[in-house]
PDB file of N, CA and C in Angstrom:
ATOM      1  N   MET A   1     119.697-106.120 -30.439  1.00  0.00           N
ATOM      2  CA  MET A   1     120.007-105.300 -29.271  1.00  0.00           C
ATOM      3  C   MET A   1     118.756-105.072 -28.409  1.00  0.00           C
ATOM      4  N   THR A   2     117.610-104.873 -29.078  1.00  0.00           N
ATOM      5  CA  THR A   2     116.372-104.641 -28.342  1.00  0.00           C
ATOM      6  C   THR A   2     116.035-105.830 -27.459  1.00  0.00           C
ATOM      7  N   GLN A   3     116.233-107.034 -27.970  1.00  0.00           N
ATOM      8  CA  GLN A   3     115.941-108.234 -27.183  1.00  0.00           C
ATOM      9  C   GLN A   3     116.852-108.322 -25.957  1.00  0.00           C
ATOM     10  N   LYS A   4     118.108-107.949 -26.116  1.00  0.00           N
ATOM     11  CA  LYS A   4     119.035-107.981 -24.982  1.00  0.00           C
ATOM     12  C   LYS A   4     118.624-106.974 -23.915  1.00  0.00           C
ATOM     13  N   LEU A   5     118.191-105.794 -24.342  1.00  0.00           N
ATOM     14  CA  LEU A   5     117.733-104.790 -23.377  1.00  0.00           C
ATOM     15  C   LEU A   5     116.476-105.262 -22.655  1.00  0.00           C
ATOM     16  N   GLN A   6     115.588-105.898 -23.380  1.00  0.00           N
ATOM     17  CA  GLN A   6     114.380-106.429 -22.760  1.00  0.00           C
ATOM     18  C   GLN A   6     114.734-107.527 -21.755  1.00  0.00           C
ATOM     19  N   ASN A   7     115.666-108.399 -22.118  1.00  0.00           N
ATOM     20  CA  ASN A   7     116.105-109.452 -21.195  1.00  0.00           C
ATOM     21  C   ASN A   7     116.732-108.854 -19.948  1.00  0.00           C
ATOM     22  N   LEU A   8     117.553-107.825 -20.129  1.00  0.00           N
ATOM     23  CA  LEU A   8     118.199-107.163 -18.994  1.00  0.00           C
ATOM     24  C   LEU A   8     117.152-106.526 -18.090  1.00  0.00           C
ATOM     25  N   GLN A   9     116.172-105.885 -18.691  1.00  0.00           N
ATOM     26  CA  GLN A   9     115.107-105.256 -17.922  1.00  0.00           C
ATOM     27  C   GLN A   9     114.330-106.301 -17.127  1.00  0.00           C
ATOM     28  N   GLU A  10     114.012-107.417 -17.747  1.00  0.00           N
ATOM     29  CA  GLU A  10     113.296-108.481 -17.040  1.00  0.00           C
ATOM     30  C   GLU A  10     114.132-109.045 -15.904  1.00  0.00           C
ATOM     31  N   MET A  11     115.428-109.210 -16.127  1.00  0.00           N
ATOM     32  CA  MET A  11     116.320-109.711 -15.074  1.00  0.00           C
ATOM     33  C   MET A  11     116.383-108.724 -13.915  1.00  0.00           C
ATOM     34  N   LEU A  12     116.425-107.430 -14.237  1.00  0.00           N
ATOM     35  CA  LEU A  12     116.464-106.403 -13.200  1.00  0.00           C
ATOM     36  C   LEU A  12     115.201-106.459 -12.353  1.00  0.00           C
ATOM     37  N   PHE A  13     114.040-106.526 -13.004  1.00  0.00           N
ATOM     38  CA  PHE A  13     112.793-106.606 -12.253  1.00  0.00           C
ATOM     39  C   PHE A  13     112.738-107.877 -11.424  1.00  0.00           C
ATOM     40  N   ASP A  14     113.171-109.000 -11.980  1.00  0.00           N
ATOM     41  CA  ASP A  14     113.190-110.251 -11.223  1.00  0.00           C
ATOM     42  C   ASP A  14     114.082-110.138  -9.988  1.00  0.00           C
ATOM     43  N   ALA A  15     115.254-109.536 -10.160  1.00  0.00           N
ATOM     44  CA  ALA A  15     116.187-109.380  -9.037  1.00  0.00           C
ATOM     45  C   ALA A  15     115.608-108.454  -7.970  1.00  0.00           C
ATOM     46  N   LEU A  16     114.953-107.380  -8.397  1.00  0.00           N
ATOM     47  CA  LEU A  16     114.351-106.465  -7.433  1.00  0.00           C
ATOM     48  C   LEU A  16     113.218-107.141  -6.674  1.00  0.00           C
ATOM     49  N   ILE A  17     112.415-107.924  -7.372  1.00  0.00           N
ATOM     50  CA  ILE A  17     111.332-108.656  -6.717  1.00  0.00           C
ATOM     51  C   ILE A  17     111.905-109.644  -5.706  1.00  0.00           C
ATOM     52  N   GLU A  18     112.957-110.333  -6.101  1.00  0.00           N
ATOM     53  CA  GLU A  18     113.607-111.288  -5.194  1.00  0.00           C
ATOM     54  C   GLU A  18     114.120-110.578  -3.948  1.00  0.00           C
ATOM     55  N   ASP A  19     114.745-109.429  -4.135  1.00  0.00           N
ATOM     56  CA  ASP A  19     115.257-108.668  -2.992  1.00  0.00           C
ATOM     57  C   ASP A  19     114.121-108.158  -2.102  1.00  0.00           C
ATOM     58  N   LEU A  20     113.009-107.732  -2.713  1.00  0.00           N
ATOM     59  CA  LEU A  20     111.872-107.271  -1.919  1.00  0.00           C
ATOM     60  C   LEU A  20     111.281-108.397  -1.079  1.00  0.00           C
ATOM     61  N   ASN A  21     111.382-109.615  -1.547  1.00  0.00           N
ATOM     62  CA  ASN A  21     110.858-110.761  -0.809  1.00  0.00           C
ATOM     63  C   ASN A  21     111.809-111.251   0.278  1.00  0.00           C
ATOM     64  N   ASP A  22     113.020-110.714   0.321  1.00  0.00           N
ATOM     65  CA  ASP A  22     114.028-111.132   1.304  1.00  0.00           C
ATOM     66  C   ASP A  22     114.122-110.078   2.414  1.00  0.00           C
ATOM     67  N   PRO A  23     113.672-110.415   3.621  1.00  0.00           N
ATOM     68  CA  PRO A  23     113.705-109.448   4.724  1.00  0.00           C
ATOM     69  C   PRO A  23     115.110-108.920   5.043  1.00  0.00           C
ATOM     70  N   MET A  24     116.135-109.673   4.676  1.00  0.00           N
ATOM     71  CA  MET A  24     117.507-109.239   4.975  1.00  0.00           C
ATOM     72  C   MET A  24     118.005-108.162   4.002  1.00  0.00           C
ATOM     73  N   THR A  25     117.420-108.068   2.817  1.00  0.00           N
ATOM     74  CA  THR A  25     117.914-107.096   1.836  1.00  0.00           C
ATOM     75  C   THR A  25     116.990-105.908   1.631  1.00  0.00           C
ATOM     76  N   ARG A  26     115.742-106.028   2.033  1.00  0.00           N
ATOM     77  CA  ARG A  26     114.825-104.914   1.784  1.00  0.00           C
ATOM     78  C   ARG A  26     114.951-103.851   2.867  1.00  0.00           C
ATOM     79  N   GLY A  27     114.717-102.652   2.443  1.00  0.00           N
ATOM     80  CA  GLY A  27     114.787-101.510   3.338  1.00  0.00           C
ATOM     81  C   GLY A  27     114.569-100.241   2.541  1.00  0.00           C
ATOM     82  N   PRO A  28     114.716 -99.103   3.177  1.00  0.00           N
ATOM     83  CA  PRO A  28     114.470 -97.826   2.496  1.00  0.00           C
ATOM     84  C   PRO A  28     115.304 -97.634   1.224  1.00  0.00           C
ATOM     85  N   GLY A  29     116.542 -98.091   1.236  1.00  0.00           N
ATOM     86  CA  GLY A  29     117.391 -97.952   0.047  1.00  0.00           C
ATOM     87  C   GLY A  29     116.860 -98.753  -1.127  1.00  0.00           C
ATOM     88  N   LEU A  30     116.411 -99.965  -0.855  1.00  0.00           N
ATOM     89  CA  LEU A  30     115.857-100.806  -1.912  1.00  0.00           C
ATOM     90  C   LEU A  30     114.558-100.216  -2.434  1.00  0.00           C
ATOM     91  N   TYR A  31     113.727 -99.699  -1.538  1.00  0.00           N
ATOM     92  CA  TYR A  31     112.477 -99.075  -1.972  1.00  0.00           C
ATOM     93  C   TYR A  31     112.772 -97.898  -2.895  1.00  0.00           C
ATOM     94  N   ALA A  32     113.798 -97.129  -2.569  1.00  0.00           N
ATOM     95  CA  ALA A  32     114.175 -95.986  -3.412  1.00  0.00           C
ATOM     96  C   ALA A  32     114.639 -96.454  -4.792  1.00  0.00           C
ATOM     97  N   VAL A  33     115.394 -97.547  -4.817  1.00  0.00           N
ATOM     98  CA  VAL A  33     115.853 -98.098  -6.103  1.00  0.00           C
ATOM     99  C   VAL A  33     114.662 -98.561  -6.929  1.00  0.00           C
ATOM    100  N   VAL A  34     113.742 -99.290  -6.303  1.00  0.00           N
ATOM    101  CA  VAL A  34     112.562 -99.786  -7.025  1.00  0.00           C
ATOM    102  C   VAL A  34     111.743 -98.610  -7.552  1.00  0.00           C
ATOM    103  N   ARG A  35     111.530 -97.627  -6.710  1.00  0.00           N
ATOM    104  CA  ARG A  35     110.782 -96.446  -7.146  1.00  0.00           C
ATOM    105  C   ARG A  35     111.480 -95.756  -8.318  1.00  0.00           C
ATOM    106  N   GLY A  36     112.798 -95.641  -8.243  1.00  0.00           N
ATOM    107  CA  GLY A  36     113.560 -95.025  -9.332  1.00  0.00           C
ATOM    108  C   GLY A  36     113.460 -95.804 -10.624  1.00  0.00           C
ATOM    109  N   VAL A  37     113.557 -97.126 -10.522  1.00  0.00           N
ATOM    110  CA  VAL A  37     113.446 -97.965 -11.722  1.00  0.00           C
ATOM    111  C   VAL A  37     112.054 -97.822 -12.333  1.00  0.00           C
ATOM    112  N   LEU A  38     111.033 -97.836 -11.492  1.00  0.00           N
ATOM    113  CA  LEU A  38     109.671 -97.685 -12.000  1.00  0.00           C
ATOM    114  C   LEU A  38     109.475 -96.320 -12.645  1.00  0.00           C
ATOM    115  N   ASN A  39     110.018 -95.279 -12.026  1.00  0.00           N
ATOM    116  CA  ASN A  39     109.915 -93.943 -12.615  1.00  0.00           C
ATOM    117  C   ASN A  39     110.672 -93.860 -13.933  1.00  0.00           C
ATOM    118  N   ASP A  40     111.825 -94.476 -13.997  1.00  0.00           N
ATOM    119  CA  ASP A  40     112.621 -94.458 -15.230  1.00  0.00           C
ATOM    120  C   ASP A  40     111.922 -95.181 -16.368  1.00  0.00           C
ATOM    121  N   HIS A  41     111.092 -96.138 -16.028  1.00  0.00           N
ATOM    122  CA  HIS A  41     110.445 -96.969 -17.046  1.00  0.00           C
ATOM    123  C   HIS A  41     108.933 -96.788 -17.074  1.00  0.00           C
ATOM    124  N   LYS A  42     108.443 -95.668 -16.563  1.00  0.00           N
ATOM    125  CA  LYS A  42     106.991 -95.519 -16.473  1.00  0.00           C
ATOM    126  C   LYS A  42     106.303 -95.562 -17.835  1.00  0.00           C
ATOM    127  N   GLU A  43     106.986 -95.136 -18.885  1.00  0.00           N
ATOM    128  CA  GLU A  43     106.391 -95.216 -20.219  1.00  0.00           C
ATOM    129  C   GLU A  43     106.352 -96.656 -20.725  1.00  0.00           C
ATOM    130  N   ASP A  44     107.184 -97.520 -20.129  1.00  0.00           N
ATOM    131  CA  ASP A  44     107.246 -98.918 -20.546  1.00  0.00           C
ATOM    132  C   ASP A  44     106.438 -99.852 -19.642  1.00  0.00           C
ATOM    133  N   ILE A  45     105.897 -99.327 -18.565  1.00  0.00           N
ATOM    134  CA  ILE A  45     105.210-100.174 -17.591  1.00  0.00           C
ATOM    135  C   ILE A  45     104.111-100.993 -18.255  1.00  0.00           C
ATOM    136  N   ASN A  46     103.377-100.380 -19.167  1.00  0.00           N
ATOM    137  CA  ASN A  46     102.289-101.111 -19.821  1.00  0.00           C
ATOM    138  C   ASN A  46     102.799-102.183 -20.766  1.00  0.00           C
ATOM    139  N   LEU A  47     104.091-102.142 -21.100  1.00  0.00           N
ATOM    140  CA  LEU A  47     104.666-103.149 -21.982  1.00  0.00           C
ATOM    141  C   LEU A  47     105.146-104.382 -21.224  1.00  0.00           C
ATOM    142  N   LEU A  48     105.294-104.245 -19.905  1.00  0.00           N
ATOM    143  CA  LEU A  48     105.753-105.378 -19.094  1.00  0.00           C
ATOM    144  C   LEU A  48     104.640-106.411 -18.985  1.00  0.00           C
ATOM    145  N   PRO A  49     105.020-107.666 -18.895  1.00  0.00           N
ATOM    146  CA  PRO A  49     103.996-108.701 -18.708  1.00  0.00           C
ATOM    147  C   PRO A  49     103.184-108.426 -17.439  1.00  0.00           C
ATOM    148  N   GLN A  50     101.891-108.617 -17.513  1.00  0.00           N
ATOM    149  CA  GLN A  50     101.000-108.355 -16.378  1.00  0.00           C
ATOM    150  C   GLN A  50     101.426-109.145 -15.150  1.00  0.00           C
ATOM    151  N   GLU A  51     101.905-110.358 -15.364  1.00  0.00           N
ATOM    152  CA  GLU A  51     102.358-111.196 -14.241  1.00  0.00           C
ATOM    153  C   GLU A  51     103.522-110.532 -13.501  1.00  0.00           C
ATOM    154  N   THR A  52     104.456-109.940 -14.229  1.00  0.00           N
ATOM    155  CA  THR A  52     105.592-109.251 -13.614  1.00  0.00           C
ATOM    156  C   THR A  52     105.112-108.067 -12.795  1.00  0.00           C
ATOM    157  N   LEU A  53     104.195-107.292 -13.335  1.00  0.00           N
ATOM    158  CA  LEU A  53     103.664-106.137 -12.619  1.00  0.00           C
ATOM    159  C   LEU A  53     102.947-106.565 -11.343  1.00  0.00           C
ATOM    160  N   GLN A  54     102.154-107.614 -11.430  1.00  0.00           N
ATOM    161  CA  GLN A  54     101.423-108.090 -10.257  1.00  0.00           C
ATOM    162  C   GLN A  54     102.380-108.611  -9.191  1.00  0.00           C
ATOM    163  N   THR A  55     103.407-109.318  -9.613  1.00  0.00           N
ATOM    164  CA  THR A  55     104.390-109.845  -8.663  1.00  0.00           C
ATOM    165  C   THR A  55     105.138-108.705  -7.983  1.00  0.00           C
ATOM    166  N   LEU A  56     105.534-107.712  -8.760  1.00  0.00           N
ATOM    167  CA  LEU A  56     106.253-106.565  -8.204  1.00  0.00           C
ATOM    168  C   LEU A  56     105.360-105.798  -7.238  1.00  0.00           C
ATOM    169  N   GLU A  57     104.131-105.544  -7.627  1.00  0.00           N
ATOM    170  CA  GLU A  57     103.207-104.822  -6.758  1.00  0.00           C
ATOM    171  C   GLU A  57     102.960-105.595  -5.467  1.00  0.00           C
ATOM    172  N   SER A  58     102.779-106.892  -5.576  1.00  0.00           N
ATOM    173  CA  SER A  58     102.545-107.723  -4.401  1.00  0.00           C
ATOM    174  C   SER A  58     103.758-107.729  -3.474  1.00  0.00           C
ATOM    175  N   ALA A  59     104.942-107.880  -4.049  1.00  0.00           N
ATOM    176  CA  ALA A  59     106.167-107.903  -3.237  1.00  0.00           C
ATOM    177  C   ALA A  59     106.364-106.582  -2.512  1.00  0.00           C
ATOM    178  N   MET A  60     106.129-105.479  -3.196  1.00  0.00           N
ATOM    179  CA  MET A  60     106.293-104.167  -2.559  1.00  0.00           C
ATOM    180  C   MET A  60     105.244-103.963  -1.472  1.00  0.00           C
ATOM    181  N   SER A  61     104.011-104.371  -1.732  1.00  0.00           N
ATOM    182  CA  SER A  61     102.949-104.199  -0.748  1.00  0.00           C
ATOM    183  C   SER A  61     103.217-105.008   0.515  1.00  0.00           C
ATOM    184  N   GLU A  62     103.696-106.223   0.335  1.00  0.00           N
ATOM    185  CA  GLU A  62     103.953-107.091   1.489  1.00  0.00           C
ATOM    186  C   GLU A  62     105.214-106.680   2.240  1.00  0.00           C
ATOM    187  N   ALA A  63     106.185-106.120   1.545  1.00  0.00           N
ATOM    188  CA  ALA A  63     107.468-105.814   2.164  1.00  0.00           C
ATOM    189  C   ALA A  63     107.503-104.435   2.823  1.00  0.00           C
ATOM    190  N   ALA A  64     106.730-103.531   2.304  1.00  0.00           N
ATOM    191  CA  ALA A  64     106.815-102.140   2.763  1.00  0.00           C
ATOM    192  C   ALA A  64     106.196-101.972   4.140  1.00  0.00           C
ATOM    193  N   PRO A  65     106.789-101.085   4.935  1.00  0.00           N
ATOM    194  CA  PRO A  65     106.221-100.801   6.247  1.00  0.00           C
ATOM    195  C   PRO A  65     105.050 -99.830   6.141  1.00  0.00           C
ATOM    196  N   PHE A  66     104.615 -99.530   4.942  1.00  0.00           N
ATOM    197  CA  PHE A  66     103.518 -98.622   4.670  1.00  0.00           C
ATOM    198  C   PHE A  66     102.729 -99.175   3.484  1.00  0.00           C
ATOM    199  N   GLN A  67     101.552 -98.659   3.258  1.00  0.00           N
ATOM    200  CA  GLN A  67     100.709 -99.144   2.168  1.00  0.00           C
ATOM    201  C   GLN A  67     101.111 -98.499   0.850  1.00  0.00           C
ATOM    202  N   ILE A  68     101.173 -99.304  -0.195  1.00  0.00           N
ATOM    203  CA  ILE A  68     101.421 -98.817  -1.543  1.00  0.00           C
ATOM    204  C   ILE A  68     100.179 -99.139  -2.359  1.00  0.00           C
ATOM    205  N   LYS A  69      99.609 -98.116  -2.955  1.00  0.00           N
ATOM    206  CA  LYS A  69      98.418 -98.335  -3.768  1.00  0.00           C
ATOM    207  C   LYS A  69      98.781 -98.113  -5.226  1.00  0.00           C
ATOM    208  N   ALA A  70      98.448 -99.088  -6.048  1.00  0.00           N
ATOM    209  CA  ALA A  70      98.691 -98.962  -7.481  1.00  0.00           C
ATOM    210  C   ALA A  70      97.700 -97.983  -8.065  1.00  0.00           C
ATOM    211  N   SER A  71      98.179 -97.184  -9.006  1.00  0.00           N
ATOM    212  CA  SER A  71      97.275 -96.230  -9.640  1.00  0.00           C
ATOM    213  C   SER A  71      96.871 -96.685 -11.010  1.00  0.00           C
TER     214      SER A  71
END
């Protein structure tokens, strides 16, 4: 079951990154979803592959109409 949850989580992050890279789907609602997902999983953030985190951070930084700084 743990592996399935991890796969689902990775698929969710991949889908969110894909949406952030698509100008037709990104917007304030998507940013809120991404922020919510990150907040929901903040204890797990360090468990995610570094490549996934970098891709997500890059996609959000490039897509957002404002600056996002990683802490």
